[in-house]
Amino acid sequence: LADAFDVGSVFGGATARTTFVIVDGTVHAVYTD
């Protein structure tokens, strides 16, 4: 999932804190950091 959403890694492989809002199958908003 992380790779499909292109979410980066932190702490040696854990996913970076990132939120996606999806509407009608399309990414509506992305929150990073």
ModelCIF file with pLDDT and N, C-alpha, C, O atoms, coordinates in Angstrom:
data_MODEL
#
_entry.id   MODEL 
#
_entity.id                         1 
_entity.type                       polymer 
_entity.pdbx_number_of_molecules   1 
#
_entity_poly.entity_id                      1 
_entity_poly.type                           'polypeptide(L)' 
_entity_poly.nstd_linkage                   no 
_entity_poly.nstd_monomer                   no 
_entity_poly.pdbx_seq_one_letter_code       LADAFDVGSVFGGATARTTFVIVDGTVHAVYTD 
_entity_poly.pdbx_seq_one_letter_code_can   LADAFDVGSVFGGATARTTFVIVDGTVHAVYTD 
_entity_poly.pdbx_strand_id                 A 
#
loop_
_entity_poly_seq.entity_id 
_entity_poly_seq.num 
_entity_poly_seq.mon_id 
_entity_poly_seq.hetero 
1 1  LEU n 
1 2  ALA n 
1 3  ASP n 
1 4  ALA n 
1 5  PHE n 
1 6  ASP n 
1 7  VAL n 
1 8  GLY n 
1 9  SER n 
1 10 VAL n 
1 11 PHE n 
1 12 GLY n 
1 13 GLY n 
1 14 ALA n 
1 15 THR n 
1 16 ALA n 
1 17 ARG n 
1 18 THR n 
1 19 THR n 
1 20 PHE n 
1 21 VAL n 
1 22 ILE n 
1 23 VAL n 
1 24 ASP n 
1 25 GLY n 
1 26 THR n 
1 27 VAL n 
1 28 HIS n 
1 29 ALA n 
1 30 VAL n 
1 31 TYR n 
1 32 THR n 
1 33 ASP n 
#
_struct_asym.id          A 
_struct_asym.entity_id   1 
#
loop_
_ma_qa_metric.id 
_ma_qa_metric.mode 
_ma_qa_metric.name 
_ma_qa_metric.software_group_id 
_ma_qa_metric.type 
1 global pLDDT . pLDDT 
2 local  pLDDT . pLDDT 
#
_ma_qa_metric_global.metric_id      1 
_ma_qa_metric_global.metric_value   91.06 
_ma_qa_metric_global.model_id       1 
_ma_qa_metric_global.ordinal_id     1 
#
loop_
_ma_qa_metric_local.label_asym_id 
_ma_qa_metric_local.label_comp_id 
_ma_qa_metric_local.label_seq_id 
_ma_qa_metric_local.metric_id 
_ma_qa_metric_local.metric_value 
_ma_qa_metric_local.model_id 
_ma_qa_metric_local.ordinal_id 
A LEU 1  2 96.00 1 1  
A ALA 2  2 95.00 1 2  
A ASP 3  2 94.00 1 3  
A ALA 4  2 96.00 1 4  
A PHE 5  2 96.00 1 5  
A ASP 6  2 93.00 1 6  
A VAL 7  2 94.00 1 7  
A GLY 8  2 84.00 1 8  
A SER 9  2 84.00 1 9  
A VAL 10 2 83.00 1 10 
A PHE 11 2 74.00 1 11 
A GLY 12 2 74.00 1 12 
A GLY 13 2 73.00 1 13 
A ALA 14 2 83.00 1 14 
A THR 15 2 89.00 1 15 
A ALA 16 2 90.00 1 16 
A ARG 17 2 94.00 1 17 
A THR 18 2 95.00 1 18 
A THR 19 2 96.00 1 19 
A PHE 20 2 96.00 1 20 
A VAL 21 2 96.00 1 21 
A ILE 22 2 96.00 1 22 
A VAL 23 2 95.00 1 23 
A ASP 24 2 93.00 1 24 
A GLY 25 2 94.00 1 25 
A THR 26 2 95.00 1 26 
A VAL 27 2 96.00 1 27 
A HIS 28 2 95.00 1 28 
A ALA 29 2 95.00 1 29 
A VAL 30 2 96.00 1 30 
A TYR 31 2 95.00 1 31 
A THR 32 2 93.00 1 32 
A ASP 33 2 87.00 1 33 
#
loop_
_atom_site.group_PDB 
_atom_site.id 
_atom_site.type_symbol 
_atom_site.label_atom_id 
_atom_site.label_alt_id 
_atom_site.label_comp_id 
_atom_site.label_asym_id 
_atom_site.label_entity_id 
_atom_site.label_seq_id 
_atom_site.pdbx_PDB_ins_code 
_atom_site.Cartn_x 
_atom_site.Cartn_y 
_atom_site.Cartn_z 
_atom_site.occupancy 
_atom_site.B_iso_or_equiv 
_atom_site.pdbx_formal_charge 
_atom_site.auth_seq_id 
_atom_site.auth_comp_id 
_atom_site.auth_asym_id 
_atom_site.auth_atom_id 
_atom_site.pdbx_PDB_model_num 
ATOM 1   N N  . LEU A 1 1  ? 0.838   -1.209 0.000  1.00 96.00 ? 1  LEU A N  1 
ATOM 2   C CA . LEU A 1 1  ? 0.000   0.000  0.000  1.00 96.00 ? 1  LEU A CA 1 
ATOM 3   C C  . LEU A 1 1  ? 0.873   1.260  0.000  1.00 96.00 ? 1  LEU A C  1 
ATOM 4   O O  . LEU A 1 1  ? 0.643   2.190  -0.773 1.00 96.00 ? 1  LEU A O  1 
ATOM 5   N N  . ALA A 1 2  ? 1.868   1.271  0.872  1.00 95.00 ? 2  ALA A N  1 
ATOM 6   C CA . ALA A 1 2  ? 2.744   2.444  0.961  1.00 95.00 ? 2  ALA A CA 1 
ATOM 7   C C  . ALA A 1 2  ? 3.398   2.741  -0.387 1.00 95.00 ? 2  ALA A C  1 
ATOM 8   O O  . ALA A 1 2  ? 3.461   3.895  -0.810 1.00 95.00 ? 2  ALA A O  1 
ATOM 9   N N  . ASP A 1 3  ? 3.883   1.697  -1.057 1.00 94.00 ? 3  ASP A N  1 
ATOM 10  C CA . ASP A 1 3  ? 4.514   1.912  -2.361 1.00 94.00 ? 3  ASP A CA 1 
ATOM 11  C C  . ASP A 1 3  ? 3.496   2.370  -3.408 1.00 94.00 ? 3  ASP A C  1 
ATOM 12  O O  . ASP A 1 3  ? 3.810   3.222  -4.240 1.00 94.00 ? 3  ASP A O  1 
ATOM 13  N N  . ALA A 1 4  ? 2.286   1.816  -3.375 1.00 96.00 ? 4  ALA A N  1 
ATOM 14  C CA . ALA A 1 4  ? 1.258   2.210  -4.350 1.00 96.00 ? 4  ALA A CA 1 
ATOM 15  C C  . ALA A 1 4  ? 0.860   3.678  -4.188 1.00 96.00 ? 4  ALA A C  1 
ATOM 16  O O  . ALA A 1 4  ? 0.541   4.353  -5.166 1.00 96.00 ? 4  ALA A O  1 
ATOM 17  N N  . PHE A 1 5  ? 0.883   4.167  -2.942 1.00 96.00 ? 5  PHE A N  1 
ATOM 18  C CA . PHE A 1 5  ? 0.564   5.566  -2.664 1.00 96.00 ? 5  PHE A CA 1 
ATOM 19  C C  . PHE A 1 5  ? 1.819   6.451  -2.683 1.00 96.00 ? 5  PHE A C  1 
ATOM 20  O O  . PHE A 1 5  ? 1.730   7.659  -2.458 1.00 96.00 ? 5  PHE A O  1 
ATOM 21  N N  . ASP A 1 6  ? 2.967   5.859  -2.947 1.00 93.00 ? 6  ASP A N  1 
ATOM 22  C CA . ASP A 1 6  ? 4.250   6.578  -2.951 1.00 93.00 ? 6  ASP A CA 1 
ATOM 23  C C  . ASP A 1 6  ? 4.542   7.262  -1.627 1.00 93.00 ? 6  ASP A C  1 
ATOM 24  O O  . ASP A 1 6  ? 5.018   8.397  -1.591 1.00 93.00 ? 6  ASP A O  1 
ATOM 25  N N  . VAL A 1 7  ? 4.251   6.557  -0.537 1.00 94.00 ? 7  VAL A N  1 
ATOM 26  C CA . VAL A 1 7  ? 4.517   7.086  0.799  1.00 94.00 ? 7  VAL A CA 1 
ATOM 27  C C  . VAL A 1 7  ? 5.950   6.729  1.178  1.00 94.00 ? 7  VAL A C  1 
ATOM 28  O O  . VAL A 1 7  ? 6.357   5.571  1.081  1.00 94.00 ? 7  VAL A O  1 
ATOM 29  N N  . GLY A 1 8  ? 6.695   7.713  1.601  1.00 84.00 ? 8  GLY A N  1 
ATOM 30  C CA . GLY A 1 8  ? 8.089   7.506  1.962  1.00 84.00 ? 8  GLY A CA 1 
ATOM 31  C C  . GLY A 1 8  ? 8.258   6.740  3.257  1.00 84.00 ? 8  GLY A C  1 
ATOM 32  O O  . GLY A 1 8  ? 7.289   6.375  3.921  1.00 84.00 ? 8  GLY A O  1 
ATOM 33  N N  . SER A 1 9  ? 9.510   6.508  3.596  1.00 84.00 ? 9  SER A N  1 
ATOM 34  C CA . SER A 1 9  ? 9.870   5.755  4.796  1.00 84.00 ? 9  SER A CA 1 
ATOM 35  C C  . SER A 1 9  ? 10.534  6.667  5.827  1.00 84.00 ? 9  SER A C  1 
ATOM 36  O O  . SER A 1 9  ? 11.177  7.662  5.493  1.00 84.00 ? 9  SER A O  1 
ATOM 37  N N  . VAL A 1 10 ? 10.354  6.292  7.073  1.00 83.00 ? 10 VAL A N  1 
ATOM 38  C CA . VAL A 1 10 ? 11.046  6.927  8.197  1.00 83.00 ? 10 VAL A CA 1 
ATOM 39  C C  . VAL A 1 10 ? 11.481  5.814  9.139  1.00 83.00 ? 10 VAL A C  1 
ATOM 40  O O  . VAL A 1 10 ? 10.951  4.704  9.078  1.00 83.00 ? 10 VAL A O  1 
ATOM 41  N N  . PHE A 1 11 ? 12.423  6.099  9.991  1.00 74.00 ? 11 PHE A N  1 
ATOM 42  C CA . PHE A 1 11 ? 12.829  5.147  11.035 1.00 74.00 ? 11 PHE A CA 1 
ATOM 43  C C  . PHE A 1 11 ? 13.152  3.753  10.486 1.00 74.00 ? 11 PHE A C  1 
ATOM 44  O O  . PHE A 1 11 ? 12.752  2.751  11.078 1.00 74.00 ? 11 PHE A O  1 
ATOM 45  N N  . GLY A 1 12 ? 13.861  3.681  9.380  1.00 74.00 ? 12 GLY A N  1 
ATOM 46  C CA . GLY A 1 12 ? 14.290  2.392  8.863  1.00 74.00 ? 12 GLY A CA 1 
ATOM 47  C C  . GLY A 1 12 ? 13.208  1.545  8.231  1.00 74.00 ? 12 GLY A C  1 
ATOM 48  O O  . GLY A 1 12 ? 13.263  0.319  8.331  1.00 74.00 ? 12 GLY A O  1 
ATOM 49  N N  . GLY A 1 13 ? 12.239  2.142  7.591  1.00 73.00 ? 13 GLY A N  1 
ATOM 50  C CA . GLY A 1 13 ? 11.246  1.373  6.846  1.00 73.00 ? 13 GLY A CA 1 
ATOM 51  C C  . GLY A 1 13 ? 9.804   1.638  7.225  1.00 73.00 ? 13 GLY A C  1 
ATOM 52  O O  . GLY A 1 13 ? 8.900   1.276  6.473  1.00 73.00 ? 13 GLY A O  1 
ATOM 53  N N  . ALA A 1 14 ? 9.561   2.260  8.372  1.00 83.00 ? 14 ALA A N  1 
ATOM 54  C CA . ALA A 1 14 ? 8.190   2.598  8.749  1.00 83.00 ? 14 ALA A CA 1 
ATOM 55  C C  . ALA A 1 14 ? 7.649   3.652  7.779  1.00 83.00 ? 14 ALA A C  1 
ATOM 56  O O  . ALA A 1 14 ? 8.419   4.406  7.185  1.00 83.00 ? 14 ALA A O  1 
ATOM 57  N N  . THR A 1 15 ? 6.332   3.702  7.624  1.00 89.00 ? 15 THR A N  1 
ATOM 58  C CA . THR A 1 15 ? 5.746   4.673  6.702  1.00 89.00 ? 15 THR A CA 1 
ATOM 59  C C  . THR A 1 15 ? 5.754   6.075  7.289  1.00 89.00 ? 15 THR A C  1 
ATOM 60  O O  . THR A 1 15 ? 5.532   6.270  8.484  1.00 89.00 ? 15 THR A O  1 
ATOM 61  N N  . ALA A 1 16 ? 6.010   7.033  6.433  1.00 90.00 ? 16 ALA A N  1 
ATOM 62  C CA . ALA A 1 16 ? 5.953   8.435  6.832  1.00 90.00 ? 16 ALA A CA 1 
ATOM 63  C C  . ALA A 1 16 ? 4.489   8.802  7.094  1.00 90.00 ? 16 ALA A C  1 
ATOM 64  O O  . ALA A 1 16 ? 3.583   8.296  6.431  1.00 90.00 ? 16 ALA A O  1 
ATOM 65  N N  . ARG A 1 17 ? 4.277   9.672  8.051  1.00 94.00 ? 17 ARG A N  1 
ATOM 66  C CA . ARG A 1 17 ? 2.909   10.075 8.403  1.00 94.00 ? 17 ARG A CA 1 
ATOM 67  C C  . ARG A 1 17 ? 2.330   10.910 7.255  1.00 94.00 ? 17 ARG A C  1 
ATOM 68  O O  . ARG A 1 17 ? 2.724   12.057 7.040  1.00 94.00 ? 17 ARG A O  1 
ATOM 69  N N  . THR A 1 18 ? 1.385   10.303 6.524  1.00 95.00 ? 18 THR A N  1 
ATOM 70  C CA . THR A 1 18 ? 0.793   10.913 5.329  1.00 95.00 ? 18 THR A CA 1 
ATOM 71  C C  . THR A 1 18 ? -0.677  10.529 5.275  1.00 95.00 ? 18 THR A C  1 
ATOM 72  O O  . THR A 1 18 ? -1.023  9.372  5.517  1.00 95.00 ? 18 THR A O  1 
ATOM 73  N N  . THR A 1 19 ? -1.541  11.480 4.962  1.00 96.00 ? 19 THR A N  1 
ATOM 74  C CA . THR A 1 19 ? -2.979  11.220 4.883  1.00 96.00 ? 19 THR A CA 1 
ATOM 75  C C  . THR A 1 19 ? -3.483  11.578 3.489  1.00 96.00 ? 19 THR A C  1 
ATOM 76  O O  . THR A 1 19 ? -3.125  12.606 2.914  1.00 96.00 ? 19 THR A O  1 
ATOM 77  N N  . PHE A 1 20 ? -4.333  10.683 2.967  1.00 96.00 ? 20 PHE A N  1 
ATOM 78  C CA . PHE A 1 20 ? -4.968  10.893 1.670  1.00 96.00 ? 20 PHE A CA 1 
ATOM 79  C C  . PHE A 1 20 ? -6.473  10.953 1.853  1.00 96.00 ? 20 PHE A C  1 
ATOM 80  O O  . PHE A 1 20 ? -7.055  10.131 2.561  1.00 96.00 ? 20 PHE A O  1 
ATOM 81  N N  . VAL A 1 21 ? -7.101  11.931 1.214  1.00 96.00 ? 21 VAL A N  1 
ATOM 82  C CA . VAL A 1 21 ? -8.553  11.990 1.136  1.00 96.00 ? 21 VAL A CA 1 
ATOM 83  C C  . VAL A 1 21 ? -8.901  11.622 -0.302 1.00 96.00 ? 21 VAL A C  1 
ATOM 84  O O  . VAL A 1 21 ? -8.411  12.231 -1.252 1.00 96.00 ? 21 VAL A O  1 
ATOM 85  N N  . ILE A 1 22 ? -9.760  10.613 -0.439 1.00 96.00 ? 22 ILE A N  1 
ATOM 86  C CA . ILE A 1 22 ? -10.111 10.099 -1.764 1.00 96.00 ? 22 ILE A CA 1 
ATOM 87  C C  . ILE A 1 22 ? -11.604 10.305 -1.988 1.00 96.00 ? 22 ILE A C  1 
ATOM 88  O O  . ILE A 1 22 ? -12.428 9.926  -1.156 1.00 96.00 ? 22 ILE A O  1 
ATOM 89  N N  . VAL A 1 23 ? -11.934 10.903 -3.110 1.00 95.00 ? 23 VAL A N  1 
ATOM 90  C CA . VAL A 1 23 ? -13.320 11.155 -3.483 1.00 95.00 ? 23 VAL A CA 1 
ATOM 91  C C  . VAL A 1 23 ? -13.520 10.630 -4.902 1.00 95.00 ? 23 VAL A C  1 
ATOM 92  O O  . VAL A 1 23 ? -12.774 10.983 -5.815 1.00 95.00 ? 23 VAL A O  1 
ATOM 93  N N  . ASP A 1 24 ? -14.525 9.791  -5.075 1.00 93.00 ? 24 ASP A N  1 
ATOM 94  C CA . ASP A 1 24 ? -14.828 9.207  -6.391 1.00 93.00 ? 24 ASP A CA 1 
ATOM 95  C C  . ASP A 1 24 ? -13.610 8.518  -7.011 1.00 93.00 ? 24 ASP A C  1 
ATOM 96  O O  . ASP A 1 24 ? -13.403 8.587  -8.222 1.00 93.00 ? 24 ASP A O  1 
ATOM 97  N N  . GLY A 1 25 ? -12.804 7.851  -6.170 1.00 94.00 ? 25 GLY A N  1 
ATOM 98  C CA . GLY A 1 25 ? -11.666 7.102  -6.655 1.00 94.00 ? 25 GLY A CA 1 
ATOM 99  C C  . GLY A 1 25 ? -10.447 7.923  -7.008 1.00 94.00 ? 25 GLY A C  1 
ATOM 100 O O  . GLY A 1 25 ? -9.451  7.388  -7.496 1.00 94.00 ? 25 GLY A O  1 
ATOM 101 N N  . THR A 1 26 ? -10.520 9.228  -6.763 1.00 95.00 ? 26 THR A N  1 
ATOM 102 C CA . THR A 1 26 ? -9.420  10.136 -7.091 1.00 95.00 ? 26 THR A CA 1 
ATOM 103 C C  . THR A 1 26 ? -8.907  10.798 -5.818 1.00 95.00 ? 26 THR A C  1 
ATOM 104 O O  . THR A 1 26 ? -9.687  11.146 -4.932 1.00 95.00 ? 26 THR A O  1 
ATOM 105 N N  . VAL A 1 27 ? -7.603  10.967 -5.735 1.00 96.00 ? 27 VAL A N  1 
ATOM 106 C CA . VAL A 1 27 ? -7.024  11.663 -4.592 1.00 96.00 ? 27 VAL A CA 1 
ATOM 107 C C  . VAL A 1 27 ? -7.503  13.105 -4.618 1.00 96.00 ? 27 VAL A C  1 
ATOM 108 O O  . VAL A 1 27 ? -7.253  13.837 -5.575 1.00 96.00 ? 27 VAL A O  1 
ATOM 109 N N  . HIS A 1 28 ? -8.188  13.502 -3.568 1.00 95.00 ? 28 HIS A N  1 
ATOM 110 C CA . HIS A 1 28 ? -8.739  14.851 -3.451 1.00 95.00 ? 28 HIS A CA 1 
ATOM 111 C C  . HIS A 1 28 ? -7.772  15.777 -2.708 1.00 95.00 ? 28 HIS A C  1 
ATOM 112 O O  . HIS A 1 28 ? -7.609  16.943 -3.067 1.00 95.00 ? 28 HIS A O  1 
ATOM 113 N N  . ALA A 1 29 ? -7.132  15.232 -1.662 1.00 95.00 ? 29 ALA A N  1 
ATOM 114 C CA . ALA A 1 29 ? -6.209  16.027 -0.850 1.00 95.00 ? 29 ALA A CA 1 
ATOM 115 C C  . ALA A 1 29 ? -5.151  15.106 -0.257 1.00 95.00 ? 29 ALA A C  1 
ATOM 116 O O  . ALA A 1 29 ? -5.397  13.925 -0.011 1.00 95.00 ? 29 ALA A O  1 
ATOM 117 N N  . VAL A 1 30 ? -3.963  15.677 -0.033 1.00 96.00 ? 30 VAL A N  1 
ATOM 118 C CA . VAL A 1 30 ? -2.855  14.944 0.564  1.00 96.00 ? 30 VAL A CA 1 
ATOM 119 C C  . VAL A 1 30 ? -2.278  15.801 1.690  1.00 96.00 ? 30 VAL A C  1 
ATOM 120 O O  . VAL A 1 30 ? -2.047  16.998 1.520  1.00 96.00 ? 30 VAL A O  1 
ATOM 121 N N  . TYR A 1 31 ? -2.052  15.177 2.828  1.00 95.00 ? 31 TYR A N  1 
ATOM 122 C CA . TYR A 1 31 ? -1.446  15.853 3.972  1.00 95.00 ? 31 TYR A CA 1 
ATOM 123 C C  . TYR A 1 31 ? -0.128  15.147 4.273  1.00 95.00 ? 31 TYR A C  1 
ATOM 124 O O  . TYR A 1 31 ? -0.105  13.937 4.500  1.00 95.00 ? 31 TYR A O  1 
ATOM 125 N N  . THR A 1 32 ? 0.962   15.898 4.274  1.00 93.00 ? 32 THR A N  1 
ATOM 126 C CA . THR A 1 32 ? 2.267   15.338 4.611  1.00 93.00 ? 32 THR A CA 1 
ATOM 127 C C  . THR A 1 32 ? 2.801   16.037 5.856  1.00 93.00 ? 32 THR A C  1 
ATOM 128 O O  . THR A 1 32 ? 2.300   17.091 6.249  1.00 93.00 ? 32 THR A O  1 
ATOM 129 N N  . ASP A 1 33 ? 3.804   15.451 6.462  1.00 87.00 ? 33 ASP A N  1 
ATOM 130 C CA . ASP A 1 33 ? 4.396   16.023 7.680  1.00 87.00 ? 33 ASP A CA 1 
ATOM 131 C C  . ASP A 1 33 ? 3.307   16.386 8.692  1.00 87.00 ? 33 ASP A C  1 
ATOM 132 O O  . ASP A 1 33 ? 3.614   16.880 9.778  1.00 87.00 ? 33 ASP A O  1 
#
